Amino acid sequence: MSASPEAASPAPEIVVVLVEPAGPLNVGSVARLCANFAIAQLRLVAPRCNPLGEEARRMAVHGQAQLEQAATFASLAAAIADCRRVVATSGRLEREELPLEGPGSALSWLIEPEADPGVDINPGVVINPGVAINPGGAINPGGAINPGGAMAPVALVFGREDRGLSNDELLQAGKILRLESSADYASLNLSHAVAICLHELRRIPAAKEPPGGSDGAAVTSLRGVLESTLADGQDLLLEVGFLHPHTAHARMAKLRGLLQRAQIREGEVALIRGMVRQLRWATTRGTP
């Protein structure tokens, strides 16, 4: 009798995030696509249209549940705070802080299984991103983030119909995906871009185990924990004079890009947080 095939690792939950969508027809179409491809969560960042209006509902067809339960957030940072991995889409041709990748490599990385860390290595970390949440799709009310093991969701982020994602928003992603299209007219309709990405996701075979074994230290940090650590670090660097208010944003963007390219892990973020706290204590300690 032949041995049974090795079971695939459970896939992380995929969250589709739309940043400031302006067209209700697009929002409804994306809700339908979420139903088509078994995406349970649709998240909207500061929508510029009524996502529950007649036009959106008409386009959603059998995706009414995804549309009605879509959570609304004030910022992208809030929408992805509980996600371990984030892929953002970009139609730009110029060089980014993070290199552009095709759908195959970026989406394979997005759903790559990770080892279960077993314990919360960021005890006491509470992040309040100031979200404004649709009651139909409340997620972690109050902003508390619970690093609940490696099965935290992963996010696929799409930008505004007219201008995509800003540089700051792109730097909140671990990888930036670009869909190849004609140079004569490269811009894709929002719902079409979502359809292509979700179709490509379905074509990726399920992985059997986390790459490199089951070392819990190799788990990617939650976005909210990383952003909170970077905010603490920026405050400290401003206090000691390494950063100046007029240049802090640009220099922190470079640091954010460096950490994203390095794919910083949960244990490494905890180490940086501990260093920042100890240095802050040392700078405020009274001299003997």
Protein backbone atom coordinates (compact mmCIF):
# COMPACT_ATOMS: atom_id res chain seq x y z
CA MET A 1 0.00 0.00 0.00
CA SER A 2 1.43 3.39 -0.91
CA ALA A 3 1.93 5.95 1.80
CA SER A 4 -0.67 8.66 2.03
CA PRO A 5 0.52 12.04 0.79
CA GLU A 6 1.81 14.46 3.36
CA ALA A 7 -0.88 16.89 4.45
CA ALA A 8 -0.42 20.50 3.47
CA SER A 9 0.06 23.09 6.20
CA PRO A 10 -3.06 25.14 6.99
CA ALA A 11 -3.14 28.23 4.79
CA PRO A 12 -3.32 31.63 6.50
CA GLU A 13 -6.51 33.63 6.16
CA ILE A 14 -6.21 36.12 3.31
CA VAL A 15 -7.57 39.63 3.79
CA VAL A 16 -8.25 41.93 0.83
CA VAL A 17 -7.74 45.61 1.67
CA LEU A 18 -8.95 48.50 -0.52
CA VAL A 19 -7.46 51.91 0.28
CA GLU A 20 -9.84 54.84 -0.22
CA PRO A 21 -11.95 53.24 -2.98
CA ALA A 22 -13.99 55.87 -4.80
CA GLY A 23 -16.22 53.73 -6.99
CA PRO A 24 -19.12 51.79 -5.44
CA LEU A 25 -19.21 49.58 -8.55
CA ASN A 26 -15.60 48.57 -7.86
CA VAL A 27 -16.29 47.89 -4.19
CA GLY A 28 -19.26 45.71 -5.06
CA SER A 29 -17.29 43.87 -7.75
CA VAL A 30 -14.46 43.17 -5.30
CA ALA A 31 -16.95 41.83 -2.74
CA ARG A 32 -18.23 39.45 -5.45
CA LEU A 33 -14.66 38.39 -6.23
CA CYS A 34 -14.07 37.70 -2.53
CA ALA A 35 -17.05 35.35 -2.63
CA ASN A 36 -15.80 33.76 -5.88
CA PHE A 37 -12.40 33.00 -4.36
CA ALA A 38 -13.49 32.21 -0.77
CA ILE A 39 -11.97 35.35 0.77
CA ALA A 40 -13.82 35.85 4.03
CA GLN A 41 -12.60 39.35 4.91
CA LEU A 42 -12.80 42.54 2.89
CA ARG A 43 -11.40 45.62 4.63
CA LEU A 44 -11.91 49.21 3.47
CA VAL A 45 -9.64 52.12 4.38
CA ALA A 46 -11.48 55.47 4.47
CA PRO A 47 -13.76 54.70 1.50
CA ARG A 48 -14.72 57.70 -0.64
CA CYS A 49 -18.06 56.17 -1.60
CA ASN A 50 -20.96 54.43 0.10
CA PRO A 51 -19.89 50.76 0.20
CA LEU A 52 -23.40 49.67 1.15
CA GLY A 53 -25.25 51.73 -1.46
CA GLU A 54 -27.43 50.39 -4.24
CA GLU A 55 -24.66 50.38 -6.87
CA ALA A 56 -22.25 48.41 -4.69
CA ARG A 57 -24.94 45.90 -3.73
CA ARG A 58 -25.96 45.41 -7.34
CA MET A 59 -22.39 44.53 -8.37
CA ALA A 60 -21.78 42.30 -5.35
CA VAL A 61 -24.46 39.79 -6.45
CA HIS A 62 -23.76 36.76 -4.19
CA GLY A 63 -21.00 38.62 -2.33
CA GLN A 64 -23.51 40.49 -0.15
CA ALA A 65 -22.13 38.94 3.04
CA GLN A 66 -18.58 40.07 2.26
CA LEU A 67 -19.87 43.55 1.46
CA GLU A 68 -22.02 43.91 4.56
CA GLN A 69 -19.32 42.54 6.88
CA ALA A 70 -16.50 44.63 5.42
CA ALA A 71 -14.71 46.48 8.21
CA THR A 72 -13.84 50.14 7.69
CA PHE A 73 -10.60 51.61 9.04
CA ALA A 74 -9.20 55.11 9.32
CA SER A 75 -5.76 54.18 7.96
CA LEU A 76 -3.90 51.38 6.22
CA ALA A 77 -1.76 50.87 9.33
CA ALA A 78 -4.91 50.12 11.32
CA ALA A 79 -6.30 47.79 8.66
CA ILE A 80 -3.20 45.57 8.58
CA ALA A 81 -2.09 45.82 12.22
CA ASP A 82 -3.04 42.19 12.95
CA CYS A 83 -1.47 40.80 9.75
CA ARG A 84 1.88 39.02 9.59
CA ARG A 85 2.60 39.42 5.90
CA VAL A 86 1.45 42.15 3.54
CA VAL A 87 1.72 42.42 -0.23
CA ALA A 88 0.84 45.78 -1.78
CA THR A 89 0.12 46.34 -5.46
CA SER A 90 1.70 49.12 -7.48
CA GLY A 91 1.41 50.18 -11.10
CA ARG A 92 4.43 52.46 -10.97
CA LEU A 93 7.36 51.95 -13.27
CA GLU A 94 9.94 53.93 -11.28
CA ARG A 95 12.21 52.35 -8.71
CA GLU A 96 10.71 51.81 -5.27
CA GLU A 97 12.37 51.50 -1.85
CA LEU A 98 11.31 47.87 -2.14
CA PRO A 99 11.83 46.05 -5.43
CA LEU A 100 8.81 45.28 -7.59
CA GLU A 101 7.95 41.59 -7.98
CA GLY A 102 5.66 39.58 -10.22
CA PRO A 103 2.58 37.84 -8.84
CA GLY A 104 4.21 34.40 -8.68
CA SER A 105 6.95 35.22 -6.17
CA ALA A 106 5.07 37.88 -4.19
CA LEU A 107 1.89 35.84 -3.70
CA SER A 108 3.78 32.63 -2.95
CA TRP A 109 5.59 34.50 -0.18
CA LEU A 110 2.30 35.94 1.10
CA ILE A 111 0.74 32.53 1.81
CA GLU A 112 3.95 30.69 2.75
CA PRO A 113 3.30 28.78 6.00
CA GLU A 114 5.18 29.88 9.08
CA ALA A 115 6.21 28.00 12.19
CA ASP A 116 3.94 28.36 15.21
CA PRO A 117 5.84 30.51 17.74
CA GLY A 118 4.00 28.73 20.54
CA VAL A 119 4.12 31.72 22.89
CA ASP A 120 3.47 35.43 22.69
CA ILE A 121 6.98 36.87 22.61
CA ASN A 122 5.62 40.42 22.71
CA PRO A 123 3.84 40.34 26.09
CA GLY A 124 1.87 43.39 27.03
CA VAL A 125 2.01 45.00 23.60
CA VAL A 126 -1.27 46.77 22.94
CA ILE A 127 -1.74 48.75 19.77
CA ASN A 128 -4.59 51.20 19.39
CA PRO A 129 -4.56 52.30 15.76
CA GLY A 130 -7.62 54.51 16.14
CA VAL A 131 -9.84 52.51 13.86
CA ALA A 132 -13.36 53.43 12.86
CA ILE A 133 -14.94 50.04 12.36
CA ASN A 134 -18.18 49.08 10.69
CA PRO A 135 -20.12 47.20 13.41
CA GLY A 136 -20.90 44.47 10.88
CA GLY A 137 -17.25 43.54 10.63
CA ALA A 138 -15.69 44.48 13.96
CA ILE A 139 -12.10 43.31 14.28
CA ASN A 140 -10.34 43.44 17.64
CA PRO A 141 -12.53 46.26 19.04
CA GLY A 142 -10.49 48.69 21.10
CA GLY A 143 -7.37 48.15 19.04
CA ALA A 144 -5.81 45.37 21.13
CA ILE A 145 -3.57 43.17 19.06
CA ASN A 146 -3.13 39.57 20.13
CA PRO A 147 -0.22 37.92 18.33
CA GLY A 148 -2.14 34.69 18.05
CA GLY A 149 0.49 32.40 16.60
CA ALA A 150 1.50 31.93 13.02
CA MET A 151 -2.09 31.75 11.80
CA ALA A 152 -2.59 35.51 11.95
CA PRO A 153 -4.08 36.76 8.66
CA VAL A 154 -2.10 38.01 5.69
CA ALA A 155 -3.13 41.00 3.60
CA LEU A 156 -3.30 41.83 -0.10
CA VAL A 157 -3.56 45.62 -0.46
CA PHE A 158 -4.88 47.61 -3.41
CA GLY A 159 -4.62 51.38 -3.82
CA ARG A 160 -6.86 54.19 -4.98
CA GLU A 161 -8.33 54.02 -8.46
CA ASP A 162 -6.78 57.36 -9.49
CA ARG A 163 -3.34 57.33 -7.85
CA GLY A 164 -2.68 53.99 -6.21
CA LEU A 165 -0.77 53.77 -2.92
CA SER A 166 1.53 56.45 -1.51
CA ASN A 167 5.20 55.74 -0.82
CA ASP A 168 4.47 55.60 2.92
CA GLU A 169 1.74 53.03 2.33
CA LEU A 170 3.93 50.91 0.06
CA LEU A 171 6.59 50.84 2.81
CA GLN A 172 4.09 49.12 5.11
CA ALA A 173 4.22 46.05 2.88
CA GLY A 174 6.74 43.24 2.92
CA LYS A 175 6.63 42.94 -0.86
CA ILE A 176 5.32 45.09 -3.72
CA LEU A 177 3.56 43.36 -6.59
CA ARG A 178 3.27 44.73 -10.11
CA LEU A 179 1.04 43.22 -12.77
CA GLU A 180 2.55 43.41 -16.23
CA SER A 181 0.42 45.27 -18.77
CA SER A 182 0.93 47.32 -21.92
CA ALA A 183 3.29 50.28 -21.56
CA ASP A 184 0.85 52.26 -23.70
CA TYR A 185 -1.88 51.93 -21.07
CA ALA A 186 -0.52 50.28 -17.94
CA SER A 187 -3.29 51.22 -15.48
CA LEU A 188 -5.70 48.42 -14.61
CA ASN A 189 -9.22 48.80 -13.28
CA LEU A 190 -9.23 48.13 -9.54
CA SER A 191 -11.58 45.15 -9.64
CA HIS A 192 -9.68 43.67 -12.61
CA ALA A 193 -6.42 43.86 -10.66
CA VAL A 194 -8.07 42.13 -7.70
CA ALA A 195 -9.44 39.41 -9.99
CA ILE A 196 -6.01 38.69 -11.50
CA CYS A 197 -4.31 38.51 -8.10
CA LEU A 198 -6.93 36.24 -6.54
CA HIS A 199 -6.81 33.96 -9.56
CA GLU A 200 -3.03 33.75 -9.29
CA LEU A 201 -3.34 32.94 -5.59
CA ARG A 202 -5.60 29.97 -6.40
CA ARG A 203 -2.98 28.57 -8.75
CA ILE A 204 -0.25 28.41 -6.09
CA PRO A 205 0.11 24.87 -4.68
CA ALA A 206 -0.27 24.49 -0.93
CA ALA A 207 3.05 24.20 0.90
CA LYS A 208 3.69 21.14 3.05
CA GLU A 209 5.68 22.82 5.85
CA PRO A 210 7.27 26.14 6.79
CA PRO A 211 10.55 26.74 4.95
CA GLY A 212 13.51 26.03 7.18
CA GLY A 213 11.60 23.79 9.59
CA SER A 214 9.50 24.73 12.60
CA ASP A 215 11.66 27.33 14.37
CA GLY A 216 9.22 29.69 16.06
CA ALA A 217 11.80 32.49 16.01
CA ALA A 218 11.43 32.64 12.23
CA VAL A 219 7.86 33.95 12.35
CA THR A 220 7.28 37.28 10.61
CA SER A 221 6.35 40.08 12.99
CA LEU A 222 2.79 41.39 13.13
CA ARG A 223 2.57 44.69 11.27
CA GLY A 224 1.07 46.51 14.24
CA VAL A 225 3.85 45.40 16.58
CA LEU A 226 6.51 46.51 14.09
CA GLU A 227 4.85 49.89 13.55
CA SER A 228 4.56 50.46 17.30
CA THR A 229 8.26 49.60 17.72
CA LEU A 230 9.25 51.99 14.92
CA ALA A 231 7.17 54.77 16.48
CA ASP A 232 8.89 54.23 19.85
CA GLY A 233 12.27 54.24 18.11
CA GLN A 234 11.51 57.45 16.24
CA ASP A 235 10.46 59.22 19.45
CA LEU A 236 13.70 58.16 21.14
CA LEU A 237 15.88 59.21 18.20
CA LEU A 238 14.16 62.62 18.16
CA GLU A 239 14.77 62.98 21.90
CA VAL A 240 18.51 62.29 21.64
CA GLY A 241 18.97 64.45 18.54
CA PHE A 242 19.81 61.74 16.02
CA LEU A 243 16.67 62.66 14.11
CA HIS A 244 15.39 66.18 13.49
CA PRO A 245 11.72 67.01 12.92
CA HIS A 246 12.25 68.21 9.33
CA THR A 247 14.16 65.07 8.25
CA ALA A 248 12.68 62.39 10.55
CA HIS A 249 10.06 61.21 8.07
CA ALA A 250 12.51 60.62 5.22
CA ARG A 251 15.09 58.89 7.41
CA MET A 252 12.52 56.64 9.04
CA ALA A 253 11.24 55.71 5.57
CA LYS A 254 14.75 54.46 4.73
CA LEU A 255 14.83 52.44 7.96
CA ARG A 256 11.37 51.02 7.23
CA GLY A 257 12.51 49.94 3.77
CA LEU A 258 15.64 48.32 5.22
CA LEU A 259 13.65 46.30 7.76
CA GLN A 260 11.11 45.24 5.15
CA ARG A 261 13.80 44.05 2.75
CA ALA A 262 15.32 42.07 5.62
CA GLN A 263 11.90 40.48 6.36
CA ILE A 264 12.29 41.22 10.08
CA ARG A 265 11.06 38.46 12.38
CA GLU A 266 9.03 38.52 15.56
CA GLY A 267 11.96 37.80 17.86
CA GLU A 268 14.05 40.49 16.17
CA VAL A 269 11.32 43.09 16.65
CA ALA A 270 11.12 42.14 20.35
CA LEU A 271 14.91 42.64 20.58
CA ILE A 272 14.71 46.11 19.02
CA ARG A 273 11.81 47.05 21.29
CA GLY A 274 13.83 45.98 24.33
CA MET A 275 16.84 48.00 23.19
CA VAL A 276 14.72 51.12 22.66
CA ARG A 277 13.14 50.81 26.11
CA GLN A 278 16.51 50.30 27.80
CA LEU A 279 18.06 53.24 25.97
CA ARG A 280 15.11 55.46 26.90
CA TRP A 281 15.50 54.45 30.53
CA ALA A 282 19.23 55.24 30.36
CA THR A 283 18.64 58.69 28.84
CA THR A 284 16.08 59.67 31.48
CA ARG A 285 17.93 58.20 34.49
CA GLY A 286 19.18 60.86 36.84
CA THR A 287 22.94 61.15 37.14
CA PRO A 288 24.39 60.04 40.51
